[in-house]
PDB file of N, CA and C in Angstrom:
ATOM      1  N   MET A   1      -2.286  18.299  12.686  1.00  0.00           N
ATOM      2  CA  MET A   1      -1.045  18.894  11.776  1.00  0.00           C
ATOM      3  C   MET A   1      -0.791  17.412  11.212  1.00  0.00           C
ATOM      4  N   GLU A   2       0.002  17.864   9.724  1.00  0.00           N
ATOM      5  CA  GLU A   2       0.465  16.242   9.360  1.00  0.00           C
ATOM      6  C   GLU A   2       1.754  16.160   9.726  1.00  0.00           C
ATOM      7  N   GLN A   3       2.292  14.733  10.162  1.00  0.00           N
ATOM      8  CA  GLN A   3       3.455  14.445  10.486  1.00  0.00           C
ATOM      9  C   GLN A   3       4.248  14.287   8.647  1.00  0.00           C
ATOM     10  N   ARG A   4       5.511  15.168   8.739  1.00  0.00           N
ATOM     11  CA  ARG A   4       6.074  14.848   7.548  1.00  0.00           C
ATOM     12  C   ARG A   4       7.510  15.165   7.903  1.00  0.00           C
ATOM     13  N   ARG A   5       8.540  14.474   7.269  1.00  0.00           N
ATOM     14  CA  ARG A   5       9.994  14.846   7.254  1.00  0.00           C
ATOM     15  C   ARG A   5      10.430  14.870   5.876  1.00  0.00           C
ATOM     16  N   ARG A   6      11.364  15.688   5.452  1.00  0.00           N
ATOM     17  CA  ARG A   6      12.056  16.003   4.577  1.00  0.00           C
ATOM     18  C   ARG A   6      13.128  15.596   4.353  1.00  0.00           C
ATOM     19  N   ALA A   7      13.963  14.648   3.706  1.00  0.00           N
ATOM     20  CA  ALA A   7      15.469  14.703   3.422  1.00  0.00           C
ATOM     21  C   ALA A   7      15.926  16.174   3.323  1.00  0.00           C
ATOM     22  N   GLY A   8      17.268  16.587   3.914  1.00  0.00           N
ATOM     23  CA  GLY A   8      18.227  17.562   4.179  1.00  0.00           C
ATOM     24  C   GLY A   8      19.020  17.788   2.718  1.00  0.00           C
ATOM     25  N   ALA A   9      20.443  18.114   3.162  1.00  0.00           N
ATOM     26  CA  ALA A   9      21.076  18.369   1.630  1.00  0.00           C
ATOM     27  C   ALA A   9      21.705  16.630   1.987  1.00  0.00           C
ATOM     28  N   GLY A  10      21.654  16.064   2.998  1.00  0.00           N
ATOM     29  CA  GLY A  10      22.370  14.463   3.180  1.00  0.00           C
ATOM     30  C   GLY A  10      21.195  13.813   2.841  1.00  0.00           C
ATOM     31  N   ALA A  11      21.911  12.344   2.717  1.00  0.00           N
ATOM     32  CA  ALA A  11      20.976  11.446   2.854  1.00  0.00           C
ATOM     33  C   ALA A  11      20.723  11.505   3.958  1.00  0.00           C
ATOM     34  N   ASP A  12      19.113  10.580   4.054  1.00  0.00           N
ATOM     35  CA  ASP A  12      18.823  10.090   5.177  1.00  0.00           C
ATOM     36  C   ASP A  12      18.509   8.848   5.425  1.00  0.00           C
ATOM     37  N   PRO A  13      19.570   8.593   6.478  1.00  0.00           N
ATOM     38  CA  PRO A  13      19.929   6.695   6.555  1.00  0.00           C
ATOM     39  C   PRO A  13      18.865   6.498   6.609  1.00  0.00           C
ATOM     40  N   LYS A  14      17.413   6.752   7.396  1.00  0.00           N
ATOM     41  CA  LYS A  14      16.378   5.975   7.873  1.00  0.00           C
ATOM     42  C   LYS A  14      15.990   5.631   6.257  1.00  0.00           C
ATOM     43  N   ALA A  15      15.612   6.847   5.652  1.00  0.00           N
ATOM     44  CA  ALA A  15      14.804   6.352   4.444  1.00  0.00           C
ATOM     45  C   ALA A  15      15.581   5.691   3.064  1.00  0.00           C
ATOM     46  N   ASN A  16      17.167   5.722   3.574  1.00  0.00           N
ATOM     47  CA  ASN A  16      17.548   4.719   2.885  1.00  0.00           C
ATOM     48  C   ASN A  16      17.353   3.418   3.452  1.00  0.00           C
ATOM     49  N   GLY A  17      17.669   2.971   4.470  1.00  0.00           N
ATOM     50  CA  GLY A  17      16.603   1.839   4.794  1.00  0.00           C
ATOM     51  C   GLY A  17      15.395   1.248   4.507  1.00  0.00           C
ATOM     52  N   LEU A  18      14.724   1.975   4.594  1.00  0.00           N
ATOM     53  CA  LEU A  18      13.333   1.847   4.016  1.00  0.00           C
ATOM     54  C   LEU A  18      13.419   1.409   2.398  1.00  0.00           C
ATOM     55  N   GLY A  19      14.432   2.154   1.748  1.00  0.00           N
ATOM     56  CA  GLY A  19      14.063   1.853   0.235  1.00  0.00           C
ATOM     57  C   GLY A  19      14.662   0.657   0.125  1.00  0.00           C
ATOM     58  N   ALA A  20      16.300   0.202   0.642  1.00  0.00           N
ATOM     59  CA  ALA A  20      16.757  -1.142   0.797  1.00  0.00           C
ATOM     60  C   ALA A  20      15.786  -2.266   0.880  1.00  0.00           C
ATOM     61  N   ALA A  21      15.145  -2.122   1.811  1.00  0.00           N
ATOM     62  CA  ALA A  21      13.911  -3.042   2.734  1.00  0.00           C
ATOM     63  C   ALA A  21      13.239  -3.162   1.576  1.00  0.00           C
ATOM     64  N   VAL A  22      12.441  -2.115   1.048  1.00  0.00           N
ATOM     65  CA  VAL A  22      11.374  -1.966   0.028  1.00  0.00           C
ATOM     66  C   VAL A  22      11.693  -2.739  -1.094  1.00  0.00           C
ATOM     67  N   ALA A  23      13.180  -2.633  -1.906  1.00  0.00           N
ATOM     68  CA  ALA A  23      13.376  -3.037  -2.753  1.00  0.00           C
ATOM     69  C   ALA A  23      13.818  -4.715  -2.633  1.00  0.00           C
ATOM     70  N   ARG A  24      14.313  -5.068  -1.444  1.00  0.00           N
ATOM     71  CA  ARG A  24      14.682  -6.747  -0.964  1.00  0.00           C
ATOM     72  C   ARG A  24      12.786  -7.126  -1.344  1.00  0.00           C
ATOM     73  N   LEU A  25      11.718  -6.686  -0.830  1.00  0.00           N
ATOM     74  CA  LEU A  25      10.845  -6.977  -0.576  1.00  0.00           C
ATOM     75  C   LEU A  25      10.431  -7.194  -1.692  1.00  0.00           C
ATOM     76  N   ARG A  26      10.121  -6.184  -2.679  1.00  0.00           N
ATOM     77  CA  ARG A  26       9.738  -6.021  -4.326  1.00  0.00           C
ATOM     78  C   ARG A  26      10.333  -7.232  -5.272  1.00  0.00           C
ATOM     79  N   ARG A  27      11.740  -7.541  -4.596  1.00  0.00           N
ATOM     80  CA  ARG A  27      12.557  -8.587  -5.796  1.00  0.00           C
ATOM     81  C   ARG A  27      12.353  -9.739  -5.490  1.00  0.00           C
ATOM     82  N   GLU A  28      11.798 -10.313  -3.702  1.00  0.00           N
ATOM     83  CA  GLU A  28      11.259 -11.127  -3.752  1.00  0.00           C
ATOM     84  C   GLU A  28       9.925 -11.591  -4.113  1.00  0.00           C
ATOM     85  N   LEU A  29       8.929 -10.841  -4.171  1.00  0.00           N
ATOM     86  CA  LEU A  29       7.961 -10.655  -4.220  1.00  0.00           C
ATOM     87  C   LEU A  29       7.642 -11.258  -6.054  1.00  0.00           C
ATOM     88  N   ALA A  30       8.560 -10.522  -6.709  1.00  0.00           N
ATOM     89  CA  ALA A  30       8.446 -10.632  -8.324  1.00  0.00           C
ATOM     90  C   ALA A  30       9.074 -11.919  -8.509  1.00  0.00           C
ATOM     91  N   THR A  31       9.965 -12.822  -7.487  1.00  0.00           N
ATOM     92  CA  THR A  31      10.059 -13.597  -8.228  1.00  0.00           C
ATOM     93  C   THR A  31       9.048 -14.926  -7.620  1.00  0.00           C
ATOM     94  N   HIS A  32       8.299 -14.554  -6.447  1.00  0.00           N
ATOM     95  CA  HIS A  32       7.538 -15.469  -5.906  1.00  0.00           C
ATOM     96  C   HIS A  32       6.732 -16.411  -7.069  1.00  0.00           C
ATOM     97  N   PRO A  33       6.669 -17.824  -6.910  1.00  0.00           N
ATOM     98  CA  PRO A  33       5.775 -18.167  -7.735  1.00  0.00           C
ATOM     99  C   PRO A  33       4.482 -18.361  -7.684  1.00  0.00           C
ATOM    100  N   ALA A  34       4.110 -18.275  -6.519  1.00  0.00           N
ATOM    101  CA  ALA A  34       2.421 -18.746  -6.304  1.00  0.00           C
ATOM    102  C   ALA A  34       1.669 -17.317  -6.612  1.00  0.00           C
ATOM    103  N   GLU A  35       0.860 -17.568  -7.177  1.00  0.00           N
ATOM    104  CA  GLU A  35      -0.407 -16.679  -7.643  1.00  0.00           C
ATOM    105  C   GLU A  35      -0.865 -15.979  -6.220  1.00  0.00           C
ATOM    106  N   LEU A  36      -0.898 -14.753  -5.744  1.00  0.00           N
ATOM    107  CA  LEU A  36      -1.567 -14.442  -4.926  1.00  0.00           C
ATOM    108  C   LEU A  36      -2.775 -13.639  -5.246  1.00  0.00           C
ATOM    109  N   SER A  37      -3.642 -13.590  -4.577  1.00  0.00           N
ATOM    110  CA  SER A  37      -4.663 -12.808  -5.061  1.00  0.00           C
ATOM    111  C   SER A  37      -4.550 -11.402  -4.863  1.00  0.00           C
ATOM    112  N   ASP A  38      -3.687 -11.041  -3.641  1.00  0.00           N
ATOM    113  CA  ASP A  38      -3.228  -9.380  -3.226  1.00  0.00           C
ATOM    114  C   ASP A  38      -2.524  -8.831  -4.081  1.00  0.00           C
ATOM    115  N   ARG A  39      -1.653  -9.594  -5.058  1.00  0.00           N
ATOM    116  CA  ARG A  39      -0.196  -9.029  -5.476  1.00  0.00           C
ATOM    117  C   ARG A  39       0.093  -7.863  -6.096  1.00  0.00           C
ATOM    118  N   ALA A  40      -1.020  -7.459  -6.828  1.00  0.00           N
ATOM    119  CA  ALA A  40      -1.054  -6.163  -7.157  1.00  0.00           C
ATOM    120  C   ALA A  40      -1.167  -5.181  -6.090  1.00  0.00           C
ATOM    121  N   VAL A  41      -1.962  -5.095  -5.164  1.00  0.00           N
ATOM    122  CA  VAL A  41      -2.260  -4.098  -4.245  1.00  0.00           C
ATOM    123  C   VAL A  41      -0.899  -3.802  -3.479  1.00  0.00           C
ATOM    124  N   ALA A  42      -0.236  -5.085  -3.172  1.00  0.00           N
ATOM    125  CA  ALA A  42       1.209  -5.068  -2.638  1.00  0.00           C
ATOM    126  C   ALA A  42       1.964  -4.052  -3.123  1.00  0.00           C
ATOM    127  N   GLU A  43       2.044  -4.808  -4.452  1.00  0.00           N
ATOM    128  CA  GLU A  43       2.981  -4.194  -5.533  1.00  0.00           C
ATOM    129  C   GLU A  43       3.167  -2.954  -5.218  1.00  0.00           C
ATOM    130  N   ASP A  44       1.707  -2.144  -5.457  1.00  0.00           N
ATOM    131  CA  ASP A  44       1.165  -0.659  -5.295  1.00  0.00           C
ATOM    132  C   ASP A  44       1.811  -0.225  -4.284  1.00  0.00           C
ATOM    133  N   GLU A  45       1.848  -0.676  -3.291  1.00  0.00           N
ATOM    134  CA  GLU A  45       1.913   0.082  -1.803  1.00  0.00           C
ATOM    135  C   GLU A  45       3.027  -0.143  -1.801  1.00  0.00           C
ATOM    136  N   LEU A  46       4.201  -0.940  -1.981  1.00  0.00           N
ATOM    137  CA  LEU A  46       5.419  -1.037  -2.125  1.00  0.00           C
ATOM    138  C   LEU A  46       6.032   0.219  -2.857  1.00  0.00           C
ATOM    139  N   ALA A  47       5.530   0.363  -3.974  1.00  0.00           N
ATOM    140  CA  ALA A  47       5.646   1.419  -4.931  1.00  0.00           C
ATOM    141  C   ALA A  47       5.706   2.487  -4.391  1.00  0.00           C
ATOM    142  N   VAL A  48       4.780   2.996  -3.365  1.00  0.00           N
ATOM    143  CA  VAL A  48       4.626   4.157  -2.636  1.00  0.00           C
ATOM    144  C   VAL A  48       5.778   4.348  -1.815  1.00  0.00           C
ATOM    145  N   LEU A  49       5.702   3.246  -1.504  1.00  0.00           N
ATOM    146  CA  LEU A  49       6.939   3.241   0.202  1.00  0.00           C
ATOM    147  C   LEU A  49       8.235   3.385  -0.835  1.00  0.00           C
ATOM    148  N   ALA A  50       8.146   2.846  -2.020  1.00  0.00           N
ATOM    149  CA  ALA A  50       9.884   3.017  -2.628  1.00  0.00           C
ATOM    150  C   ALA A  50       9.802   4.508  -2.957  1.00  0.00           C
ATOM    151  N   ALA A  51       8.895   4.829  -3.320  1.00  0.00           N
ATOM    152  CA  ALA A  51       8.847   6.659  -3.691  1.00  0.00           C
ATOM    153  C   ALA A  51       9.305   7.522  -2.260  1.00  0.00           C
ATOM    154  N   MET A  52       8.434   7.640  -1.235  1.00  0.00           N
ATOM    155  CA  MET A  52       8.546   8.029  -0.216  1.00  0.00           C
ATOM    156  C   MET A  52      10.142   8.270   0.413  1.00  0.00           C
ATOM    157  N   ALA A  53      10.590   7.127   0.026  1.00  0.00           N
ATOM    158  CA  ALA A  53      12.091   6.825   0.654  1.00  0.00           C
ATOM    159  C   ALA A  53      12.635   7.440  -0.255  1.00  0.00           C
ATOM    160  N   ARG A  54      12.825   6.767  -1.977  1.00  0.00           N
ATOM    161  CA  ARG A  54      13.494   7.682  -2.432  1.00  0.00           C
ATOM    162  C   ARG A  54      13.953   9.265  -2.533  1.00  0.00           C
ATOM    163  N   THR A  55      12.163   9.808  -2.028  1.00  0.00           N
ATOM    164  CA  THR A  55      11.950  11.569  -2.385  1.00  0.00           C
ATOM    165  C   THR A  55      12.794  11.891  -1.099  1.00  0.00           C
ATOM    166  N   GLY A  56      12.411  10.970   0.396  1.00  0.00           N
ATOM    167  CA  GLY A  56      12.677  11.574   1.582  1.00  0.00           C
ATOM    168  C   GLY A  56      11.319  12.284   2.154  1.00  0.00           C
ATOM    169  N   ASP A  57      10.348  12.498   1.227  1.00  0.00           N
ATOM    170  CA  ASP A  57       9.129  12.489   1.953  1.00  0.00           C
ATOM    171  C   ASP A  57       8.185  11.896   2.476  1.00  0.00           C
ATOM    172  N   VAL A  58       8.825  11.261   3.840  1.00  0.00           N
ATOM    173  CA  VAL A  58       8.013  10.374   4.473  1.00  0.00           C
ATOM    174  C   VAL A  58       6.933  10.817   5.222  1.00  0.00           C
ATOM    175  N   GLU A  59       5.647  10.803   4.923  1.00  0.00           N
ATOM    176  CA  GLU A  59       4.462  10.887   5.647  1.00  0.00           C
ATOM    177  C   GLU A  59       3.754   9.629   6.383  1.00  0.00           C
ATOM    178  N   GLN A  60       4.468  10.005   7.753  1.00  0.00           N
ATOM    179  CA  GLN A  60       4.265   8.802   8.694  1.00  0.00           C
ATOM    180  C   GLN A  60       2.771   8.365   8.663  1.00  0.00           C
ATOM    181  N   PRO A  61       1.551   8.659   8.553  1.00  0.00           N
ATOM    182  CA  PRO A  61       0.330   8.069   8.655  1.00  0.00           C
ATOM    183  C   PRO A  61       0.250   7.236   7.276  1.00  0.00           C
ATOM    184  N   ARG A  62       0.509   7.822   6.009  1.00  0.00           N
ATOM    185  CA  ARG A  62       0.501   7.305   4.906  1.00  0.00           C
ATOM    186  C   ARG A  62       1.513   5.906   4.837  1.00  0.00           C
ATOM    187  N   LEU A  63       2.838   6.477   5.899  1.00  0.00           N
ATOM    188  CA  LEU A  63       3.822   5.089   5.309  1.00  0.00           C
ATOM    189  C   LEU A  63       2.950   3.854   6.589  1.00  0.00           C
ATOM    190  N   HIS A  64       2.370   4.196   7.600  1.00  0.00           N
ATOM    191  CA  HIS A  64       1.983   2.848   8.106  1.00  0.00           C
ATOM    192  C   HIS A  64       0.652   2.249   7.816  1.00  0.00           C
ATOM    193  N   ARG A  65       0.358   3.376   6.924  1.00  0.00           N
ATOM    194  CA  ARG A  65      -1.298   2.601   6.383  1.00  0.00           C
ATOM    195  C   ARG A  65      -0.415   1.601   5.017  1.00  0.00           C
ATOM    196  N   CYS A  66       0.361   1.966   4.471  1.00  0.00           N
ATOM    197  CA  CYS A  66       1.351   1.031   3.210  1.00  0.00           C
ATOM    198  C   CYS A  66       1.768  -0.394   4.030  1.00  0.00           C
ATOM    199  N   LEU A  67       1.975   0.299   4.943  1.00  0.00           N
ATOM    200  CA  LEU A  67       2.586  -1.421   5.710  1.00  0.00           C
ATOM    201  C   LEU A  67       1.509  -2.049   6.040  1.00  0.00           C
ATOM    202  N   LEU A  68       0.623  -1.740   6.671  1.00  0.00           N
ATOM    203  CA  LEU A  68      -0.831  -2.517   7.162  1.00  0.00           C
ATOM    204  C   LEU A  68      -1.074  -3.233   5.737  1.00  0.00           C
ATOM    205  N   VAL A  69      -1.242  -2.607   4.605  1.00  0.00           N
ATOM    206  CA  VAL A  69      -1.863  -3.126   3.343  1.00  0.00           C
ATOM    207  C   VAL A  69      -1.089  -3.995   2.799  1.00  0.00           C
ATOM    208  N   VAL A  70       0.412  -3.986   2.916  1.00  0.00           N
ATOM    209  CA  VAL A  70       1.415  -4.728   2.489  1.00  0.00           C
ATOM    210  C   VAL A  70       1.106  -6.240   3.608  1.00  0.00           C
ATOM    211  N   ALA A  71       1.191  -5.858   4.427  1.00  0.00           N
ATOM    212  CA  ALA A  71       1.242  -7.036   5.411  1.00  0.00           C
ATOM    213  C   ALA A  71      -0.003  -8.063   5.439  1.00  0.00           C
ATOM    214  N   GLY A  72      -1.467  -7.129   5.217  1.00  0.00           N
ATOM    215  CA  GLY A  72      -2.339  -7.891   4.900  1.00  0.00           C
ATOM    216  C   GLY A  72      -2.507  -8.739   3.672  1.00  0.00           C
ATOM    217  N   ALA A  73      -1.647  -8.251   2.816  1.00  0.00           N
ATOM    218  CA  ALA A  73      -1.494  -8.739   1.355  1.00  0.00           C
ATOM    219  C   ALA A  73      -0.296  -9.549   1.374  1.00  0.00           C
ATOM    220  N   LEU A  74       0.076  -9.796   1.970  1.00  0.00           N
ATOM    221  CA  LEU A  74       1.534 -10.659   1.958  1.00  0.00           C
ATOM    222  C   LEU A  74       1.902 -11.762   3.343  1.00  0.00           C
ATOM    223  N   GLY A  75       1.116 -10.961   4.130  1.00  0.00           N
ATOM    224  CA  GLY A  75       1.365 -11.503   5.310  1.00  0.00           C
ATOM    225  C   GLY A  75       1.372 -13.204   5.614  1.00  0.00           C
ATOM    226  N   SER A  76       0.673 -13.807   5.078  1.00  0.00           N
ATOM    227  CA  SER A  76       0.595 -15.219   5.185  1.00  0.00           C
ATOM    228  C   SER A  76       1.587 -15.952   4.202  1.00  0.00           C
ATOM    229  N   VAL A  77       2.293 -15.251   3.563  1.00  0.00           N
ATOM    230  CA  VAL A  77       3.327 -16.375   2.869  1.00  0.00           C
ATOM    231  C   VAL A  77       4.491 -16.399   3.299  1.00  0.00           C
ATOM    232  N   SER A  78       4.799 -17.168   3.906  1.00  0.00           N
ATOM    233  CA  SER A  78       6.031 -17.693   4.822  1.00  0.00           C
ATOM    234  C   SER A  78       7.378 -17.649   4.342  1.00  0.00           C
ATOM    235  N   ALA A  79       7.500 -17.416   3.133  1.00  0.00           N
ATOM    236  CA  ALA A  79       8.440 -17.090   2.151  1.00  0.00           C
ATOM    237  C   ALA A  79       9.056 -15.790   1.822  1.00  0.00           C
ATOM    238  N   LEU A  80       8.054 -14.838   2.247  1.00  0.00           N
ATOM    239  CA  LEU A  80       8.232 -13.557   2.124  1.00  0.00           C
ATOM    240  C   LEU A  80       8.392 -12.991   3.544  1.00  0.00           C
ATOM    241  N   ALA A  81       8.462 -13.415   4.693  1.00  0.00           N
ATOM    242  CA  ALA A  81       8.525 -12.757   5.999  1.00  0.00           C
ATOM    243  C   ALA A  81       9.331 -12.144   6.397  1.00  0.00           C
ATOM    244  N   PRO A  82      10.451 -12.690   6.116  1.00  0.00           N
ATOM    245  CA  PRO A  82      12.172 -11.861   6.575  1.00  0.00           C
ATOM    246  C   PRO A  82      11.907 -10.710   5.478  1.00  0.00           C
ATOM    247  N   ALA A  83      11.477 -10.728   4.693  1.00  0.00           N
ATOM    248  CA  ALA A  83      11.675  -9.385   3.940  1.00  0.00           C
ATOM    249  C   ALA A  83      10.894  -8.539   4.114  1.00  0.00           C
ATOM    250  N   LEU A  84       9.162  -9.002   4.517  1.00  0.00           N
ATOM    251  CA  LEU A  84       8.190  -7.985   5.194  1.00  0.00           C
ATOM    252  C   LEU A  84       8.818  -7.432   6.566  1.00  0.00           C
ATOM    253  N   ARG A  85       9.362  -8.159   7.502  1.00  0.00           N
ATOM    254  CA  ARG A  85       9.857  -8.004   8.893  1.00  0.00           C
ATOM    255  C   ARG A  85      10.909  -6.903   8.262  1.00  0.00           C
ATOM    256  N   GLU A  86      11.717  -6.870   7.728  1.00  0.00           N
ATOM    257  CA  GLU A  86      12.796  -6.055   7.202  1.00  0.00           C
ATOM    258  C   GLU A  86      11.708  -4.604   7.055  1.00  0.00           C
ATOM    259  N   VAL A  87      11.109  -4.560   6.021  1.00  0.00           N
ATOM    260  CA  VAL A  87      10.104  -3.387   5.696  1.00  0.00           C
ATOM    261  C   VAL A  87       9.492  -3.089   7.009  1.00  0.00           C
ATOM    262  N   ARG A  88       9.187  -3.732   7.755  1.00  0.00           N
ATOM    263  CA  ARG A  88       8.115  -3.400   9.128  1.00  0.00           C
ATOM    264  C   ARG A  88       9.160  -2.343   9.625  1.00  0.00           C
ATOM    265  N   GLU A  89      10.190  -3.178  10.339  1.00  0.00           N
ATOM    266  CA  GLU A  89      11.287  -2.373  10.965  1.00  0.00           C
ATOM    267  C   GLU A  89      11.902  -1.521  10.031  1.00  0.00           C
ATOM    268  N   ALA A  90      11.783  -1.336   9.393  1.00  0.00           N
ATOM    269  CA  ALA A  90      12.136   0.046   8.466  1.00  0.00           C
ATOM    270  C   ALA A  90      11.305   1.265   8.905  1.00  0.00           C
ATOM    271  N   VAL A  91       9.879   1.067   8.619  1.00  0.00           N
ATOM    272  CA  VAL A  91       9.020   2.005   9.018  1.00  0.00           C
ATOM    273  C   VAL A  91       8.738   2.241  10.002  1.00  0.00           C
ATOM    274  N   ASP A  92       9.406   1.182  11.184  1.00  0.00           N
ATOM    275  CA  ASP A  92       9.123   1.754  12.689  1.00  0.00           C
ATOM    276  C   ASP A  92      10.124   3.270  12.850  1.00  0.00           C
ATOM    277  N   LEU A  93      11.632   2.627  12.227  1.00  0.00           N
ATOM    278  CA  LEU A  93      12.326   3.275  12.490  1.00  0.00           C
ATOM    279  C   LEU A  93      12.379   4.544  12.021  1.00  0.00           C
ATOM    280  N   CYS A  94      11.431   4.786  10.613  1.00  0.00           N
ATOM    281  CA  CYS A  94      11.314   5.730   9.749  1.00  0.00           C
ATOM    282  C   CYS A  94       9.887   6.902  10.478  1.00  0.00           C
ATOM    283  N   GLY A  95       9.417   5.975  11.575  1.00  0.00           N
ATOM    284  CA  GLY A  95       8.202   6.689  12.237  1.00  0.00           C
ATOM    285  C   GLY A  95       8.780   7.238  13.660  1.00  0.00           C
ATOM    286  N   ARG A  96       9.820   6.661  14.210  1.00  0.00           N
ATOM    287  CA  ARG A  96      10.569   7.610  15.033  1.00  0.00           C
ATOM    288  C   ARG A  96      10.978   8.852  15.224  1.00  0.00           C
ATOM    289  N   PRO A  97      10.727   9.876  16.184  1.00  0.00           N
ATOM    290  CA  PRO A  97      11.347  11.109  15.952  1.00  0.00           C
ATOM    291  C   PRO A  97      12.544  11.033  15.942  1.00  0.00           C
ATOM    292  N   THR A  98      13.466  12.195  15.304  1.00  0.00           N
ATOM    293  CA  THR A  98      14.907  13.054  15.455  1.00  0.00           C
ATOM    294  C   THR A  98      15.124  13.934  16.103  1.00  0.00           C
ATOM    295  N   GLY A  99      16.247  14.100  16.781  1.00  0.00           N
ATOM    296  CA  GLY A  99      16.480  14.894  17.297  1.00  0.00           C
ATOM    297  C   GLY A  99      15.942  15.685  18.426  1.00  0.00           C
ATOM    298  N   PRO A 100      16.684  16.769  18.912  1.00  0.00           N
ATOM    299  CA  PRO A 100      15.887  17.024  20.414  1.00  0.00           C
ATOM    300  C   PRO A 100      14.453  17.100  20.363  1.00  0.00           C
ATOM    301  N   PRO A 101      13.920  17.282  21.574  1.00  0.00           N
ATOM    302  CA  PRO A 101      12.257  17.370  21.558  1.00  0.00           C
ATOM    303  C   PRO A 101      11.546  18.589  21.032  1.00  0.00           C
ATOM    304  N   TRP A 102      12.159  19.552  21.808  1.00  0.00           N
ATOM    305  CA  TRP A 102      11.757  20.805  21.240  1.00  0.00           C
ATOM    306  C   TRP A 102      12.175  21.408  19.928  1.00  0.00           C
ATOM    307  N   SER A 103      12.867  20.609  19.374  1.00  0.00           N
ATOM    308  CA  SER A 103      13.134  20.859  17.669  1.00  0.00           C
ATOM    309  C   SER A 103      11.868  20.091  16.712  1.00  0.00           C
ATOM    310  N   ARG A 104      11.300  18.989  17.382  1.00  0.00           N
ATOM    311  CA  ARG A 104      10.399  18.775  16.417  1.00  0.00           C
ATOM    312  C   ARG A 104       9.261  19.185  16.121  1.00  0.00           C
ATOM    313  N   ASP A 105       8.625  18.494  14.528  1.00  0.00           N
ATOM    314  CA  ASP A 105       7.314  19.309  14.062  1.00  0.00           C
ATOM    315  C   ASP A 105       6.163  18.756  14.643  1.00  0.00           C
TER     316      ASP A 105
END
C-alpha cells in the first residue's frame, strides 16, 4: 500500500514547513558561487519536493528518496548545511503520521 497524504480544506502546516525549507535551500543553492557537479540533479529533486509541498500530495517514499538524492548532491557543501538540515527536518515531520492510530491509512 502506498503511503500518501493529501491536504484537506485547510493548509497543511507540515507541507507549508516543507515548502519554506525547500524554498530557502533553492535560494541558497542558486546564489552559491561554486560549480557543483550534481547541482542540476539537486535542483530537479528540490523542484519535486516543492511541488509536493505546494499541492499537499506528499508521497512518503518519494519524499525520502528526494531527500537522499539532494543530500548526496549537496551534503558536502558546508555553506548549504543549515538549509539542507532544515529540509531534512521538514521531511521527517512530513513522514510522521498524524491523528489517532486507528484513523491512519
